[in-house]
């Protein structure tokens, strides 16, 4: 299986296994960390540098953790808009499954809005899991 993981912060193999169970075993994984501005000031002045740096750190830490457990993992930073980040990643990585991690409290809105749209738009099963 080819698994695309969208995560706004570093995650570990245990979180992937908790979300997908045995399906995660042996998967080729592409990790995408969206570059999301955490401060409204950075958003309004269109200063993406800090967001890109944080996303790069998150994807590198996640890829390293997955590789330490023996996973075939690679990663990249992505656009701040999740559906755009997923679409960009799928252009070069034909995933069979998408796993989206969201911060606690965001899960319900994501599940209702983004999950259905992602499945409809990309034709790939989507799972949403809370961090």
N, C-alpha and C. Protein backbone atom coordinates (compact mmCIF):
# COMPACT_ATOMS: atom_id res chain seq x y z
N UNK A 1 0.84 -1.18 0.00
CA UNK A 1 0.00 0.00 0.00
C UNK A 1 0.89 1.25 0.00
N UNK A 2 0.40 2.26 -0.69
CA UNK A 2 1.06 3.56 -0.69
C UNK A 2 0.19 4.50 0.14
N UNK A 3 0.78 5.02 1.22
CA UNK A 3 0.05 5.82 2.19
C UNK A 3 0.55 7.26 2.20
N UNK A 4 -0.38 8.19 2.01
CA UNK A 4 -0.07 9.61 2.12
C UNK A 4 -0.53 10.08 3.49
N UNK A 5 0.39 10.64 4.27
CA UNK A 5 0.09 11.13 5.61
C UNK A 5 0.22 12.65 5.61
N UNK A 6 -0.85 13.32 6.00
CA UNK A 6 -0.84 14.77 6.14
C UNK A 6 -0.85 15.07 7.63
N UNK A 7 0.19 15.73 8.13
CA UNK A 7 0.31 15.98 9.56
C UNK A 7 0.85 17.38 9.82
N UNK A 8 0.16 18.17 10.65
CA UNK A 8 0.60 19.53 10.92
C UNK A 8 1.76 19.61 11.92
N UNK A 9 2.08 18.49 12.55
CA UNK A 9 3.21 18.43 13.49
C UNK A 9 3.79 17.02 13.43
N UNK A 10 4.94 16.85 14.04
CA UNK A 10 5.61 15.55 13.99
C UNK A 10 4.75 14.49 14.66
N UNK A 11 4.70 13.33 14.02
CA UNK A 11 3.99 12.17 14.56
C UNK A 11 4.93 10.98 14.54
N UNK A 12 4.54 9.92 15.21
CA UNK A 12 5.36 8.72 15.26
C UNK A 12 4.63 7.52 14.69
N UNK A 13 5.35 6.42 14.54
CA UNK A 13 4.75 5.20 13.99
C UNK A 13 3.56 4.69 14.80
N UNK A 14 3.59 4.86 16.11
CA UNK A 14 2.48 4.39 16.95
C UNK A 14 1.18 5.10 16.59
N UNK A 15 1.27 6.38 16.23
CA UNK A 15 0.07 7.12 15.87
C UNK A 15 -0.50 6.64 14.53
N UNK A 16 0.39 6.30 13.60
CA UNK A 16 -0.07 5.76 12.32
C UNK A 16 -0.73 4.41 12.53
N UNK A 17 -0.09 3.54 13.33
CA UNK A 17 -0.67 2.23 13.61
C UNK A 17 -2.00 2.36 14.35
N UNK A 18 -2.10 3.30 15.28
CA UNK A 18 -3.35 3.49 16.02
C UNK A 18 -4.48 3.90 15.08
N UNK A 19 -4.17 4.67 14.06
CA UNK A 19 -5.19 5.15 13.13
C UNK A 19 -5.59 4.11 12.10
N UNK A 20 -4.63 3.29 11.66
CA UNK A 20 -4.89 2.37 10.55
C UNK A 20 -4.77 0.89 10.90
N UNK A 21 -4.24 0.58 12.07
CA UNK A 21 -4.07 -0.82 12.45
C UNK A 21 -3.08 -1.54 11.55
N UNK A 22 -3.38 -2.78 11.24
CA UNK A 22 -2.48 -3.61 10.45
C UNK A 22 -2.29 -3.13 9.02
N UNK A 23 -3.21 -2.30 8.54
CA UNK A 23 -3.10 -1.77 7.18
C UNK A 23 -1.80 -0.99 6.98
N UNK A 24 -1.29 -0.41 8.05
CA UNK A 24 -0.09 0.43 7.95
C UNK A 24 1.18 -0.39 7.75
N UNK A 25 1.16 -1.65 8.14
CA UNK A 25 2.37 -2.48 8.05
C UNK A 25 2.84 -2.63 6.61
N UNK A 26 4.11 -2.36 6.39
CA UNK A 26 4.73 -2.53 5.08
C UNK A 26 4.38 -1.46 4.07
N UNK A 27 3.69 -0.41 4.48
CA UNK A 27 3.29 0.64 3.54
C UNK A 27 4.47 1.51 3.14
N UNK A 28 4.44 1.96 1.91
CA UNK A 28 5.35 3.02 1.46
C UNK A 28 4.65 4.32 1.85
N UNK A 29 5.35 5.18 2.60
CA UNK A 29 4.71 6.35 3.19
C UNK A 29 5.31 7.64 2.65
N UNK A 30 4.44 8.56 2.27
CA UNK A 30 4.84 9.93 1.94
C UNK A 30 4.21 10.84 2.98
N UNK A 31 5.02 11.57 3.68
CA UNK A 31 4.55 12.49 4.73
C UNK A 31 4.55 13.91 4.16
N UNK A 32 3.44 14.60 4.33
CA UNK A 32 3.36 16.00 3.93
C UNK A 32 2.93 16.80 5.15
N UNK A 33 3.72 17.81 5.49
CA UNK A 33 3.39 18.72 6.59
C UNK A 33 3.00 20.06 5.98
N UNK A 34 1.74 20.44 6.13
CA UNK A 34 1.31 21.72 5.57
C UNK A 34 1.96 22.90 6.29
N UNK A 35 2.33 23.90 5.52
CA UNK A 35 2.96 25.11 6.08
C UNK A 35 1.87 26.07 6.51
N UNK A 36 1.43 25.92 7.76
CA UNK A 36 0.32 26.71 8.28
C UNK A 36 0.87 27.77 9.23
N UNK A 37 0.53 29.03 8.96
CA UNK A 37 0.91 30.10 9.87
C UNK A 37 0.15 29.95 11.18
N UNK A 38 0.88 29.92 12.29
CA UNK A 38 0.26 29.79 13.60
C UNK A 38 -0.22 31.13 14.14
N UNK A 39 0.39 32.21 13.71
CA UNK A 39 -0.03 33.52 14.21
C UNK A 39 -0.83 34.25 13.13
N UNK A 40 -1.83 34.99 13.58
CA UNK A 40 -2.64 35.74 12.62
C UNK A 40 -1.83 36.86 11.97
N UNK A 41 -0.86 37.42 12.69
CA UNK A 41 -0.02 38.47 12.12
C UNK A 41 0.77 37.92 10.93
N UNK A 42 1.39 36.75 11.11
CA UNK A 42 2.15 36.15 10.00
C UNK A 42 1.24 35.86 8.82
N UNK A 43 0.02 35.42 9.10
CA UNK A 43 -0.93 35.16 8.02
C UNK A 43 -1.25 36.43 7.25
N UNK A 44 -1.58 37.50 7.97
CA UNK A 44 -2.02 38.73 7.32
C UNK A 44 -0.91 39.45 6.58
N UNK A 45 0.33 39.30 7.03
CA UNK A 45 1.42 39.96 6.30
C UNK A 45 2.05 39.00 5.29
N UNK A 46 1.41 37.86 5.10
CA UNK A 46 1.85 36.86 4.12
C UNK A 46 3.31 36.49 4.31
N UNK A 47 3.68 36.19 5.56
CA UNK A 47 5.04 35.78 5.88
C UNK A 47 5.06 34.28 6.14
N UNK A 48 5.34 33.49 5.11
CA UNK A 48 5.28 32.05 5.26
C UNK A 48 6.57 31.40 5.78
N UNK A 49 7.64 32.17 5.98
CA UNK A 49 8.93 31.59 6.32
C UNK A 49 8.88 30.71 7.58
N UNK A 50 8.29 31.22 8.65
CA UNK A 50 8.23 30.46 9.89
C UNK A 50 7.39 29.20 9.71
N UNK A 51 6.28 29.33 9.01
CA UNK A 51 5.40 28.18 8.77
C UNK A 51 6.10 27.11 7.95
N UNK A 52 6.84 27.52 6.95
CA UNK A 52 7.57 26.56 6.11
C UNK A 52 8.65 25.86 6.93
N UNK A 53 9.37 26.61 7.75
CA UNK A 53 10.41 26.01 8.59
C UNK A 53 9.82 25.01 9.57
N UNK A 54 8.69 25.35 10.20
CA UNK A 54 8.05 24.43 11.14
C UNK A 54 7.54 23.18 10.42
N UNK A 55 6.97 23.35 9.24
CA UNK A 55 6.48 22.21 8.47
C UNK A 55 7.63 21.31 8.05
N UNK A 56 8.74 21.90 7.63
CA UNK A 56 9.89 21.11 7.23
C UNK A 56 10.43 20.30 8.41
N UNK A 57 10.51 20.90 9.57
CA UNK A 57 10.96 20.18 10.77
C UNK A 57 10.01 19.04 11.09
N UNK A 58 8.71 19.30 11.03
CA UNK A 58 7.71 18.27 11.34
C UNK A 58 7.81 17.08 10.38
N UNK A 59 7.95 17.36 9.10
CA UNK A 59 8.01 16.24 8.15
C UNK A 59 9.31 15.47 8.29
N UNK A 60 10.43 16.16 8.54
CA UNK A 60 11.71 15.46 8.71
C UNK A 60 11.68 14.57 9.95
N UNK A 61 11.15 15.10 11.07
CA UNK A 61 11.09 14.31 12.30
C UNK A 61 10.17 13.10 12.13
N UNK A 62 9.07 13.28 11.42
CA UNK A 62 8.14 12.18 11.17
C UNK A 62 8.78 11.12 10.28
N UNK A 63 9.41 11.55 9.20
CA UNK A 63 10.07 10.60 8.29
C UNK A 63 11.16 9.84 9.04
N UNK A 64 11.96 10.52 9.82
CA UNK A 64 13.02 9.86 10.59
C UNK A 64 12.44 8.82 11.54
N UNK A 65 11.36 9.18 12.24
CA UNK A 65 10.74 8.24 13.19
C UNK A 65 10.19 7.01 12.47
N UNK A 66 9.57 7.22 11.32
CA UNK A 66 9.04 6.09 10.56
C UNK A 66 10.16 5.20 10.02
N UNK A 67 11.23 5.81 9.54
CA UNK A 67 12.36 5.03 9.03
C UNK A 67 13.03 4.22 10.14
N UNK A 68 13.10 4.79 11.35
CA UNK A 68 13.70 4.06 12.48
C UNK A 68 12.93 2.78 12.77
N UNK A 69 11.65 2.75 12.44
CA UNK A 69 10.82 1.56 12.63
C UNK A 69 10.82 0.68 11.38
N UNK A 70 11.62 1.04 10.39
CA UNK A 70 11.75 0.22 9.20
C UNK A 70 10.84 0.58 8.04
N UNK A 71 10.10 1.67 8.15
CA UNK A 71 9.20 2.06 7.07
C UNK A 71 9.96 2.70 5.91
N UNK A 72 9.42 2.50 4.72
CA UNK A 72 9.92 3.16 3.52
C UNK A 72 9.21 4.51 3.47
N UNK A 73 9.84 5.54 3.99
CA UNK A 73 9.18 6.84 4.15
C UNK A 73 9.97 7.96 3.50
N UNK A 74 9.22 8.92 2.95
CA UNK A 74 9.79 10.15 2.41
C UNK A 74 8.85 11.28 2.81
N UNK A 75 9.27 12.52 2.62
CA UNK A 75 8.41 13.61 3.03
C UNK A 75 8.69 14.90 2.31
N UNK A 76 7.78 15.85 2.55
CA UNK A 76 7.89 17.17 1.95
C UNK A 76 6.99 18.12 2.73
N UNK A 77 7.18 19.41 2.51
CA UNK A 77 6.26 20.39 3.05
C UNK A 77 5.17 20.60 2.01
N UNK A 78 4.03 21.12 2.46
CA UNK A 78 2.92 21.32 1.55
C UNK A 78 2.25 22.65 1.76
N UNK A 79 1.33 22.95 0.89
CA UNK A 79 0.53 24.17 1.00
C UNK A 79 -0.26 24.17 2.29
N UNK A 80 -0.63 25.34 2.77
CA UNK A 80 -1.37 25.44 4.03
C UNK A 80 -2.79 24.89 3.90
N UNK A 81 -3.37 24.97 2.74
CA UNK A 81 -4.71 24.43 2.50
C UNK A 81 -4.60 22.91 2.30
N UNK A 82 -5.21 22.11 3.18
CA UNK A 82 -5.04 20.66 3.13
C UNK A 82 -5.37 20.01 1.79
N UNK A 83 -6.48 20.39 1.16
CA UNK A 83 -6.83 19.76 -0.10
C UNK A 83 -5.83 20.09 -1.21
N UNK A 84 -5.27 21.27 -1.18
CA UNK A 84 -4.23 21.64 -2.16
C UNK A 84 -2.97 20.82 -1.89
N UNK A 85 -2.59 20.70 -0.62
CA UNK A 85 -1.41 19.91 -0.26
C UNK A 85 -1.57 18.46 -0.69
N UNK A 86 -2.76 17.91 -0.48
CA UNK A 86 -3.02 16.52 -0.89
C UNK A 86 -2.93 16.39 -2.39
N UNK A 87 -3.58 17.29 -3.11
CA UNK A 87 -3.54 17.24 -4.58
C UNK A 87 -2.13 17.34 -5.13
N UNK A 88 -1.34 18.24 -4.56
CA UNK A 88 0.05 18.38 -5.00
C UNK A 88 0.83 17.09 -4.76
N UNK A 89 0.62 16.49 -3.59
CA UNK A 89 1.35 15.26 -3.25
C UNK A 89 0.94 14.11 -4.16
N UNK A 90 -0.36 14.01 -4.46
CA UNK A 90 -0.84 12.92 -5.31
C UNK A 90 -0.35 13.04 -6.75
N UNK A 91 0.08 14.22 -7.15
CA UNK A 91 0.61 14.40 -8.51
C UNK A 91 1.90 13.61 -8.71
N UNK A 92 2.62 13.34 -7.63
CA UNK A 92 3.89 12.61 -7.76
C UNK A 92 3.92 11.32 -6.93
N UNK A 93 2.88 11.06 -6.14
CA UNK A 93 2.83 9.89 -5.27
C UNK A 93 1.40 9.34 -5.33
N UNK A 94 1.23 8.25 -6.06
CA UNK A 94 -0.10 7.67 -6.28
C UNK A 94 -0.55 6.87 -5.05
N UNK A 95 -1.05 7.56 -4.06
CA UNK A 95 -1.44 6.91 -2.81
C UNK A 95 -2.70 6.06 -2.97
N UNK A 96 -2.73 4.95 -2.20
CA UNK A 96 -3.90 4.09 -2.13
C UNK A 96 -4.79 4.51 -0.96
N UNK A 97 -4.21 5.27 -0.03
CA UNK A 97 -4.90 5.66 1.20
C UNK A 97 -4.33 6.98 1.68
N UNK A 98 -5.18 7.82 2.29
CA UNK A 98 -4.75 9.10 2.85
C UNK A 98 -5.10 9.10 4.33
N UNK A 99 -4.15 9.50 5.15
CA UNK A 99 -4.35 9.63 6.59
C UNK A 99 -4.08 11.08 6.96
N UNK A 100 -5.09 11.75 7.48
CA UNK A 100 -4.97 13.16 7.85
C UNK A 100 -4.99 13.27 9.37
N UNK A 101 -3.94 13.81 9.93
CA UNK A 101 -3.90 14.08 11.37
C UNK A 101 -4.31 15.52 11.60
N UNK A 102 -5.16 15.72 12.60
CA UNK A 102 -5.62 17.06 12.95
C UNK A 102 -5.42 17.29 14.43
N UNK A 103 -5.24 18.54 14.78
CA UNK A 103 -5.08 18.88 16.20
C UNK A 103 -6.38 18.64 16.94
N UNK A 104 -6.27 18.24 18.18
CA UNK A 104 -7.43 17.98 19.02
C UNK A 104 -8.38 19.17 18.97
N UNK A 105 -9.64 18.89 18.81
CA UNK A 105 -10.64 19.95 18.71
C UNK A 105 -11.01 20.27 17.28
N UNK A 106 -10.11 20.03 16.33
CA UNK A 106 -10.39 20.28 14.92
C UNK A 106 -10.97 19.05 14.23
N UNK A 107 -10.91 17.92 14.90
CA UNK A 107 -11.23 16.63 14.28
C UNK A 107 -12.65 16.58 13.70
N UNK A 108 -13.65 17.01 14.46
CA UNK A 108 -15.03 16.87 13.99
C UNK A 108 -15.28 17.67 12.72
N UNK A 109 -14.85 18.92 12.68
CA UNK A 109 -15.03 19.73 11.49
C UNK A 109 -14.30 19.16 10.29
N UNK A 110 -13.11 18.67 10.52
CA UNK A 110 -12.34 18.07 9.44
C UNK A 110 -13.04 16.85 8.90
N UNK A 111 -13.47 16.01 9.81
CA UNK A 111 -14.09 14.76 9.40
C UNK A 111 -15.31 15.03 8.53
N UNK A 112 -16.10 16.00 8.90
CA UNK A 112 -17.33 16.26 8.16
C UNK A 112 -17.09 16.98 6.84
N UNK A 113 -16.14 17.89 6.81
CA UNK A 113 -15.95 18.72 5.63
C UNK A 113 -14.87 18.19 4.69
N UNK A 114 -13.66 18.08 5.19
CA UNK A 114 -12.52 17.76 4.34
C UNK A 114 -12.47 16.29 3.91
N UNK A 115 -12.85 15.39 4.82
CA UNK A 115 -12.74 13.97 4.50
C UNK A 115 -13.59 13.62 3.28
N UNK A 116 -14.85 14.01 3.30
CA UNK A 116 -15.73 13.70 2.17
C UNK A 116 -15.27 14.37 0.89
N UNK A 117 -14.84 15.61 0.99
CA UNK A 117 -14.37 16.32 -0.20
C UNK A 117 -13.10 15.68 -0.77
N UNK A 118 -12.18 15.28 0.11
CA UNK A 118 -10.94 14.64 -0.35
C UNK A 118 -11.24 13.31 -1.04
N UNK A 119 -12.11 12.51 -0.45
CA UNK A 119 -12.46 11.23 -1.07
C UNK A 119 -13.13 11.45 -2.41
N UNK A 120 -14.04 12.41 -2.49
CA UNK A 120 -14.75 12.70 -3.73
C UNK A 120 -13.78 13.23 -4.80
N UNK A 121 -12.92 14.16 -4.39
CA UNK A 121 -12.03 14.81 -5.35
C UNK A 121 -10.94 13.88 -5.86
N UNK A 122 -10.37 13.06 -4.95
CA UNK A 122 -9.20 12.28 -5.33
C UNK A 122 -9.47 10.78 -5.49
N UNK A 123 -10.64 10.32 -5.10
CA UNK A 123 -11.00 8.91 -5.29
C UNK A 123 -10.15 7.95 -4.46
N UNK A 124 -9.70 8.41 -3.32
CA UNK A 124 -8.84 7.60 -2.45
C UNK A 124 -9.48 7.61 -1.05
N UNK A 125 -9.53 6.45 -0.36
CA UNK A 125 -10.08 6.44 1.00
C UNK A 125 -9.28 7.34 1.93
N UNK A 126 -9.99 8.07 2.79
CA UNK A 126 -9.38 9.03 3.71
C UNK A 126 -9.77 8.68 5.15
N UNK A 127 -8.79 8.68 6.03
CA UNK A 127 -9.01 8.52 7.46
C UNK A 127 -8.52 9.78 8.15
N UNK A 128 -9.32 10.27 9.11
CA UNK A 128 -8.93 11.44 9.90
C UNK A 128 -8.68 10.97 11.33
N UNK A 129 -7.54 11.38 11.89
CA UNK A 129 -7.20 10.99 13.26
C UNK A 129 -6.74 12.23 14.03
N UNK A 130 -7.11 12.28 15.31
CA UNK A 130 -6.71 13.39 16.17
C UNK A 130 -5.30 13.18 16.69
N UNK A 131 -4.58 14.28 16.86
CA UNK A 131 -3.24 14.22 17.44
C UNK A 131 -3.35 14.13 18.95
